[in-house]
Amino acid sequence: MGAEQERGTQEAAARPRTSDRDGVQLRAAFQDWLRKRVGDPEAAVVELRTPSANGMSSETLLVTARWAAAGERRVVVRLAPPESVVPVFPEYDLAAQFGVMRQVREATGVPVPEVFWHEPDPGALGAPFLVMAHVDGRIPPDVMPYVYGSWVTELDAAARTRMQEATVDVLAELHGIPDAAERFAFLERTPADGRSALRRHVDATRAFAAWAKDGLEVPLLDAGFAWLEEHWPSTEGPAVLSWGDSRIGNIMYSGTGTEDALPVAVLDWEMAGVGVPEIDLAWLVYLHGWFQSGAERRGVPGLPDFLGWDDVAARYEARTGYRVADREFYTVYTALRMAVVSLRTQLRAVAFGELAMPDDPDDLIRPRTDLGSLIGV
């Protein structure tokens, strides 16, 4: 097995099946629900399918439906995962996702898909779900990662720079929504109690880590949180809406060839919360760097001049006037957040019998050397 095949296999192990739901039953059930929701007894589901690149969290259905008021329309259905699939996150608040997507559409020009309905009752499809508009576009692939050769690497340098700048502009516009702490308080898991936005965000990550460990002792995570406390910024940024999973793999871009690729849909809002600007910026930079370093270790050139800290910070500062600070702190925080997600996805693979439980729980963090090298352990 080659190195690239091995990496693909490891990624697949962290992505066990998301559902045992029967497609025929889902189609009939969604059609029944749709008829009641739109008040049209003749409403019909023309097609229902699951995308080949379904995510690691919510389950996604691509539906073509027809009803009197809309004609034939393509929609996307996102379902909360059942407990049987060992979810990545402790809860899937689709009402919160629905609310934040709707507010972002109303308050900004950020291209968020129109959300139509949120159904909290699991009775219809076996889980709560939301329905949003289908958007055409292309997404940088995760498996194999786009740096190994994809439409992103085929763009010329100027087009890729425009893609990078437009992506940073999305974050700048999101962070410009006024009164974020009050407007998006419904995204907070606990009352503010006088804590800063950064402190609340880190506390929420700490609670997520405690849940993800599921009783295991994972020293590397403990060391990561200790490092944050020892290196806490002397000045914290303003409270902003944090998209959370702010990576290009969660953005759909325009174009079909080597022409400009500009954002047409900003997706996956399950990690949204109130934070500070550097949280989203560091996630954007780190996730690309994580793919890039993996490519370079395997002798693949990748995209070394794409989404680097200097360029991302300069573009953000030019658009907002805000000076990006404490890059090291937020890089470590991102690595720690990624480590928690990695722990959970690997435990999920263990639960599905697709990965053996290692003797050292730190080895569940892939790769553990990323966080370890950053904090010196």
Protein backbone atom coordinates (compact mmCIF):
# COMPACT_ATOMS: atom_id res chain seq x y z
CA MET A 1 0.00 0.00 0.00
CA GLY A 2 1.41 3.42 -0.99
CA ALA A 3 1.62 6.35 1.43
CA GLU A 4 -1.27 8.17 -0.19
CA GLN A 5 -3.44 5.05 -0.10
CA GLU A 6 -2.53 4.55 3.55
CA ARG A 7 -3.57 8.09 4.42
CA GLY A 8 -6.87 7.57 2.62
CA THR A 9 -7.44 4.38 4.60
CA GLN A 10 -6.77 6.16 7.89
CA GLU A 11 -9.19 8.93 6.95
CA ALA A 12 -11.81 6.35 6.07
CA ALA A 13 -11.37 4.63 9.42
CA ALA A 14 -12.34 7.85 11.13
CA ARG A 15 -15.43 8.11 8.95
CA PRO A 16 -17.59 5.08 9.74
CA ARG A 17 -20.99 4.85 8.22
CA THR A 18 -23.33 7.55 9.49
CA SER A 19 -26.61 5.72 9.24
CA ASP A 20 -28.44 2.48 8.70
CA ARG A 21 -31.52 4.32 7.44
CA ASP A 22 -33.21 2.75 4.43
CA GLY A 23 -33.30 5.03 1.39
CA VAL A 24 -36.70 3.87 0.15
CA GLN A 25 -38.25 4.38 3.58
CA LEU A 26 -36.59 7.79 3.91
CA ARG A 27 -37.97 8.88 0.57
CA ALA A 28 -41.51 7.87 1.49
CA ALA A 29 -41.24 9.40 4.95
CA PHE A 30 -39.89 12.71 3.67
CA GLN A 31 -42.59 12.85 1.03
CA ASP A 32 -45.28 12.37 3.68
CA TRP A 33 -43.70 15.07 5.83
CA LEU A 34 -43.37 17.47 2.90
CA ARG A 35 -47.02 17.07 1.92
CA LYS A 36 -48.10 18.08 5.40
CA ARG A 37 -45.54 20.88 5.67
CA VAL A 38 -46.47 22.62 2.41
CA GLY A 39 -50.14 21.68 2.52
CA ASP A 40 -50.04 19.92 -0.84
CA PRO A 41 -51.29 16.30 -0.95
CA GLU A 42 -49.74 15.91 -4.41
CA ALA A 43 -46.23 16.95 -3.37
CA ALA A 44 -43.71 14.34 -4.48
CA VAL A 45 -40.08 13.40 -3.96
CA VAL A 46 -38.60 12.93 -7.42
CA GLU A 47 -35.18 11.79 -6.19
CA LEU A 48 -33.42 11.23 -2.86
CA ARG A 49 -29.79 10.27 -2.58
CA THR A 50 -26.86 10.46 -0.18
CA PRO A 51 -23.74 12.30 -1.44
CA SER A 52 -20.60 10.21 -1.77
CA ALA A 53 -18.71 12.66 0.47
CA ASN A 54 -21.12 12.62 3.39
CA GLY A 55 -19.66 14.34 6.43
CA MET A 56 -18.33 13.07 9.73
CA SER A 57 -21.13 14.62 11.78
CA SER A 58 -24.62 15.23 10.43
CA GLU A 59 -26.09 13.01 7.75
CA THR A 60 -26.88 14.74 4.47
CA LEU A 61 -29.58 13.90 1.94
CA LEU A 62 -29.87 15.46 -1.51
CA VAL A 63 -33.51 15.69 -2.51
CA THR A 64 -35.35 16.78 -5.63
CA ALA A 65 -38.98 17.45 -4.78
CA ARG A 66 -42.00 18.95 -6.47
CA TRP A 67 -44.91 20.82 -4.92
CA ALA A 68 -47.45 23.31 -6.21
CA ALA A 69 -46.08 26.50 -4.67
CA ALA A 70 -42.48 25.93 -5.76
CA GLY A 71 -42.54 23.62 -8.75
CA GLU A 72 -39.58 21.24 -8.89
CA ARG A 73 -36.86 22.18 -6.44
CA ARG A 74 -33.61 20.71 -5.17
CA VAL A 75 -33.07 20.86 -1.42
CA VAL A 76 -30.58 19.52 1.10
CA VAL A 77 -31.74 17.74 4.25
CA ARG A 78 -29.38 17.60 7.25
CA LEU A 79 -30.27 15.03 9.91
CA ALA A 80 -28.87 14.80 13.42
CA PRO A 81 -26.95 11.53 13.87
CA PRO A 82 -28.35 8.82 16.13
CA GLU A 83 -26.44 7.77 19.24
CA SER A 84 -25.76 4.41 17.60
CA VAL A 85 -23.14 5.97 15.29
CA VAL A 86 -21.10 7.38 18.21
CA PRO A 87 -21.50 11.07 17.25
CA VAL A 88 -18.49 13.37 17.06
CA PHE A 89 -20.16 16.10 19.12
CA PRO A 90 -22.18 15.79 22.34
CA GLU A 91 -25.22 17.47 20.84
CA TYR A 92 -26.52 18.51 17.44
CA ASP A 93 -28.59 21.62 17.98
CA LEU A 94 -30.19 21.96 14.58
CA ALA A 95 -32.41 24.76 15.85
CA ALA A 96 -29.27 26.75 16.64
CA GLN A 97 -27.78 25.97 13.22
CA PHE A 98 -31.04 27.03 11.58
CA GLY A 99 -31.04 30.25 13.59
CA VAL A 100 -27.45 31.23 12.91
CA MET A 101 -27.70 30.51 9.18
CA ARG A 102 -30.86 32.58 8.90
CA GLN A 103 -29.37 35.48 10.85
CA VAL A 104 -26.16 35.48 8.81
CA ARG A 105 -28.20 35.62 5.59
CA GLU A 106 -30.21 38.53 6.95
CA ALA A 107 -27.29 40.51 8.38
CA THR A 108 -24.54 40.01 5.78
CA GLY A 109 -23.76 39.26 2.18
CA VAL A 110 -22.07 35.99 3.16
CA PRO A 111 -23.43 33.29 0.83
CA VAL A 112 -25.21 31.02 3.28
CA PRO A 113 -27.80 28.65 1.75
CA GLU A 114 -31.39 29.69 2.36
CA VAL A 115 -32.88 27.61 5.16
CA PHE A 116 -36.52 26.65 4.74
CA TRP A 117 -37.58 24.51 7.67
CA HIS A 118 -36.37 23.00 10.91
CA GLU A 119 -38.17 19.88 12.11
CA PRO A 120 -37.42 19.13 15.78
CA ASP A 121 -39.69 16.07 15.94
CA PRO A 122 -37.67 12.89 15.24
CA GLY A 123 -40.87 11.05 14.37
CA ALA A 124 -40.84 11.98 10.69
CA LEU A 125 -37.39 10.71 9.62
CA GLY A 126 -36.06 9.12 12.78
CA ALA A 127 -34.09 12.21 13.79
CA PRO A 128 -34.52 16.00 13.88
CA PHE A 129 -33.57 17.66 10.60
CA LEU A 130 -33.40 20.92 8.72
CA VAL A 131 -34.07 21.65 5.06
CA MET A 132 -32.10 24.18 3.04
CA ALA A 133 -31.65 25.23 -0.55
CA HIS A 134 -29.35 23.24 -2.81
CA VAL A 135 -26.43 25.25 -4.21
CA ASP A 136 -24.31 24.27 -7.21
CA GLY A 137 -20.56 24.57 -6.86
CA ARG A 138 -17.36 22.72 -6.06
CA ILE A 139 -15.77 21.93 -2.71
CA PRO A 140 -12.07 21.30 -2.03
CA PRO A 141 -11.91 17.55 -1.28
CA ASP A 142 -10.83 16.12 2.07
CA VAL A 143 -10.20 12.52 0.94
CA MET A 144 -7.76 12.64 -0.69
CA PRO A 145 -6.99 16.16 0.55
CA TYR A 146 -7.05 18.85 -2.12
CA VAL A 147 -3.28 19.49 -1.77
CA TYR A 148 -2.53 16.08 -3.34
CA GLY A 149 -3.95 17.19 -6.68
CA SER A 150 -7.39 18.67 -7.27
CA TRP A 151 -9.15 21.54 -8.94
CA VAL A 152 -7.57 23.80 -6.29
CA THR A 153 -4.03 22.87 -7.35
CA GLU A 154 -5.04 23.34 -11.00
CA LEU A 155 -5.96 27.00 -10.49
CA ASP A 156 -3.30 29.45 -11.58
CA ALA A 157 -1.57 31.43 -8.84
CA ALA A 158 -3.61 34.59 -9.40
CA ALA A 159 -6.93 32.73 -9.27
CA ARG A 160 -5.86 30.90 -6.11
CA THR A 161 -4.91 34.22 -4.50
CA ARG A 162 -8.35 35.59 -5.30
CA MET A 163 -9.88 32.44 -3.82
CA GLN A 164 -7.82 32.93 -0.66
CA GLU A 165 -8.75 36.59 -0.34
CA ALA A 166 -12.45 35.93 -0.91
CA THR A 167 -12.33 33.22 1.76
CA VAL A 168 -10.77 35.56 4.31
CA ASP A 169 -13.36 38.17 3.34
CA VAL A 170 -16.09 35.74 4.41
CA LEU A 171 -14.59 35.67 7.91
CA ALA A 172 -14.19 39.44 7.97
CA GLU A 173 -17.86 39.93 7.12
CA LEU A 174 -19.04 37.34 9.64
CA HIS A 175 -16.96 38.96 12.36
CA GLY A 176 -18.39 42.36 11.46
CA ILE A 177 -21.92 41.49 12.59
CA PRO A 178 -22.59 43.93 15.45
CA ASP A 179 -23.47 42.94 19.02
CA ALA A 180 -22.45 39.33 18.39
CA ALA A 181 -22.39 38.30 22.05
CA GLU A 182 -26.01 39.35 22.52
CA ARG A 183 -27.29 38.47 19.06
CA PHE A 184 -25.86 34.95 19.13
CA ALA A 185 -26.23 34.22 22.83
CA PHE A 186 -28.40 31.23 21.85
CA LEU A 187 -25.19 29.51 20.66
CA GLU A 188 -23.64 29.62 24.13
CA ARG A 189 -23.75 26.41 26.16
CA THR A 190 -23.56 28.16 29.55
CA PRO A 191 -24.29 31.68 30.88
CA ALA A 192 -21.53 34.23 30.37
CA ASP A 193 -21.14 34.89 34.12
CA GLY A 194 -18.77 37.75 33.40
CA ARG A 195 -16.32 35.58 31.47
CA SER A 196 -14.77 36.90 28.26
CA ALA A 197 -15.68 35.47 24.87
CA LEU A 198 -12.32 33.70 24.65
CA ARG A 199 -12.62 32.25 28.14
CA ARG A 200 -16.12 30.94 27.40
CA HIS A 201 -14.92 29.39 24.14
CA VAL A 202 -11.99 27.61 25.80
CA ASP A 203 -14.21 26.47 28.68
CA ALA A 204 -16.64 24.99 26.14
CA THR A 205 -13.77 23.18 24.43
CA ARG A 206 -12.62 21.84 27.79
CA ALA A 207 -16.13 20.49 28.44
CA PHE A 208 -16.16 18.93 24.96
CA ALA A 209 -12.82 17.27 25.69
CA ALA A 210 -14.08 15.85 28.98
CA TRP A 211 -17.06 14.34 27.15
CA ALA A 212 -14.95 13.09 24.21
CA LYS A 213 -12.49 11.27 26.49
CA ASP A 214 -15.34 9.14 27.80
CA GLY A 215 -13.45 8.30 30.99
CA LEU A 216 -10.03 7.86 29.36
CA GLU A 217 -6.94 9.59 30.66
CA VAL A 218 -5.43 11.49 27.72
CA PRO A 219 -2.36 13.33 29.05
CA LEU A 220 -1.68 15.21 25.82
CA LEU A 221 -5.03 17.00 26.02
CA ASP A 222 -4.43 17.91 29.66
CA ALA A 223 -1.02 19.30 28.73
CA GLY A 224 -2.58 21.33 25.94
CA PHE A 225 -5.08 23.02 28.24
CA ALA A 226 -2.33 23.70 30.79
CA TRP A 227 -0.23 25.35 28.06
CA LEU A 228 -3.12 27.65 27.16
CA GLU A 229 -3.47 28.81 30.76
CA GLU A 230 0.25 29.54 30.98
CA HIS A 231 0.27 31.53 27.73
CA TRP A 232 -3.09 33.32 27.92
CA PRO A 233 -3.13 36.54 25.82
CA SER A 234 -2.68 39.74 27.78
CA THR A 235 -5.24 41.40 25.50
CA GLU A 236 -8.18 39.50 24.03
CA GLY A 237 -10.00 40.32 20.82
CA PRO A 238 -13.61 41.48 20.61
CA ALA A 239 -16.54 39.08 20.80
CA VAL A 240 -17.56 38.00 17.30
CA LEU A 241 -19.63 35.30 15.67
CA SER A 242 -17.22 32.39 15.20
CA TRP A 243 -18.16 30.09 12.33
CA GLY A 244 -16.17 27.39 14.09
CA ASP A 245 -15.23 24.95 11.34
CA SER A 246 -13.79 27.71 9.16
CA ARG A 247 -11.92 25.73 6.52
CA ILE A 248 -12.14 25.80 2.76
CA GLY A 249 -13.52 22.25 2.77
CA ASN A 250 -16.71 23.74 4.21
CA ILE A 251 -17.08 26.32 1.45
CA MET A 252 -18.58 25.70 -1.96
CA TYR A 253 -16.90 27.71 -4.69
CA SER A 254 -17.96 28.85 -8.15
CA GLY A 255 -16.50 27.65 -11.42
CA THR A 256 -15.86 24.36 -13.14
CA GLY A 257 -12.35 24.67 -14.55
CA THR A 258 -9.31 26.81 -13.86
CA GLU A 259 -11.29 30.05 -13.76
CA ASP A 260 -11.93 32.03 -10.59
CA ALA A 261 -13.29 30.09 -7.63
CA LEU A 262 -15.28 32.37 -5.35
CA PRO A 263 -17.47 31.39 -2.37
CA VAL A 264 -21.08 30.57 -3.29
CA ALA A 265 -22.10 28.68 -0.12
CA VAL A 266 -20.71 28.66 3.42
CA LEU A 267 -21.64 25.32 5.00
CA ASP A 268 -21.48 23.29 8.23
CA TRP A 269 -22.42 25.50 11.17
CA GLU A 270 -22.48 22.89 13.96
CA MET A 271 -19.37 24.39 15.60
CA ALA A 272 -20.61 27.99 15.48
CA GLY A 273 -20.37 30.03 18.65
CA VAL A 274 -19.23 33.33 20.08
CA GLY A 275 -15.47 33.77 20.07
CA VAL A 276 -12.73 36.17 18.99
CA PRO A 277 -11.47 36.78 15.43
CA GLU A 278 -8.26 34.76 15.75
CA ILE A 279 -10.17 31.53 16.46
CA ASP A 280 -11.56 31.30 12.92
CA LEU A 281 -8.41 32.67 11.31
CA ALA A 282 -6.18 30.16 13.06
CA TRP A 283 -8.49 27.28 12.13
CA LEU A 284 -8.37 28.33 8.47
CA VAL A 285 -4.57 28.53 8.46
CA TYR A 286 -3.94 25.44 10.59
CA LEU A 287 -6.21 23.10 8.65
CA HIS A 288 -4.50 23.96 5.38
CA GLY A 289 -1.11 23.64 7.04
CA TRP A 290 -2.07 20.24 8.42
CA PHE A 291 -2.87 18.95 4.93
CA GLN A 292 0.19 20.68 3.46
CA SER A 293 2.65 19.20 5.96
CA GLY A 294 1.22 15.74 5.31
CA ALA A 295 1.70 16.19 1.58
CA GLU A 296 5.28 17.38 1.99
CA ARG A 297 6.15 14.38 4.18
CA ARG A 298 5.06 12.20 1.27
CA GLY A 299 7.02 14.11 -1.34
CA VAL A 300 4.00 15.93 -2.78
CA PRO A 301 4.54 19.67 -3.36
CA GLY A 302 1.02 20.66 -2.40
CA LEU A 303 0.31 24.37 -2.02
CA PRO A 304 3.01 25.89 0.20
CA ASP A 305 2.11 29.49 -0.70
CA PHE A 306 -1.61 29.14 0.04
CA LEU A 307 -3.43 30.24 3.22
CA GLY A 308 -0.32 31.13 5.21
CA TRP A 309 -0.57 33.20 8.39
CA ASP A 310 1.10 36.31 6.94
CA ASP A 311 -1.18 36.53 3.91
CA VAL A 312 -4.35 35.66 5.81
CA ALA A 313 -3.65 38.16 8.58
CA ALA A 314 -2.71 40.90 6.11
CA ARG A 315 -5.93 40.45 4.13
CA TYR A 316 -8.04 40.35 7.28
CA GLU A 317 -6.39 43.45 8.70
CA ALA A 318 -6.86 45.30 5.39
CA ARG A 319 -10.57 44.46 5.36
CA THR A 320 -11.34 45.08 9.03
CA GLY A 321 -8.66 47.33 10.50
CA TYR A 322 -8.24 44.78 13.28
CA ARG A 323 -4.69 43.74 14.13
CA VAL A 324 -4.41 39.97 14.38
CA ALA A 325 -2.46 39.04 17.51
CA ASP A 326 -1.11 36.08 19.49
CA ARG A 327 -0.74 33.73 16.53
CA GLU A 328 1.13 31.11 18.55
CA PHE A 329 -1.58 30.92 21.20
CA TYR A 330 -4.36 30.48 18.65
CA THR A 331 -2.35 27.98 16.63
CA VAL A 332 -1.93 25.83 19.74
CA TYR A 333 -5.61 26.27 20.59
CA THR A 334 -6.55 25.12 17.11
CA ALA A 335 -4.25 22.10 17.37
CA LEU A 336 -5.86 21.27 20.72
CA ARG A 337 -9.38 21.58 19.31
CA MET A 338 -8.37 19.38 16.39
CA ALA A 339 -6.89 16.87 18.83
CA VAL A 340 -10.22 16.61 20.66
CA VAL A 341 -12.10 16.05 17.40
CA SER A 342 -9.47 13.50 16.33
CA LEU A 343 -9.81 11.65 19.63
CA ARG A 344 -13.54 11.40 19.16
CA THR A 345 -13.40 10.28 15.53
CA GLN A 346 -10.80 7.63 16.34
CA LEU A 347 -12.87 6.35 19.28
CA ARG A 348 -15.76 6.20 16.86
CA ALA A 349 -13.68 4.04 14.53
CA VAL A 350 -12.76 1.81 17.49
CA ALA A 351 -16.45 1.45 18.36
CA PHE A 352 -17.18 0.32 14.80
CA GLY A 353 -14.37 -2.25 14.88
CA GLU A 354 -12.42 -0.39 12.21
CA LEU A 355 -9.48 0.53 14.44
CA ALA A 356 -7.74 -1.26 17.32
CA MET A 357 -7.64 0.55 20.65
CA PRO A 358 -4.00 1.62 21.22
CA ASP A 359 -2.19 1.00 24.50
CA ASP A 360 -1.49 4.73 24.83
CA PRO A 361 -4.67 6.86 24.50
CA ASP A 362 -2.54 9.75 23.23
CA ASP A 363 -2.07 7.68 20.06
CA LEU A 364 -5.75 8.22 19.30
CA ILE A 365 -4.82 11.79 18.41
CA ARG A 366 -3.75 11.87 14.76
CA PRO A 367 -1.06 12.94 14.46
CA ARG A 368 -0.17 13.40 18.12
CA THR A 369 3.15 14.97 17.15
CA ASP A 370 1.41 18.13 15.87
CA LEU A 371 0.10 19.25 19.25
CA GLY A 372 3.02 17.72 21.13
CA SER A 373 5.64 19.59 19.14
CA LEU A 374 3.80 22.89 19.53
CA ILE A 375 3.69 22.69 23.32
CA GLY A 376 7.03 20.92 23.81
CA VAL A 377 5.94 17.52 25.13
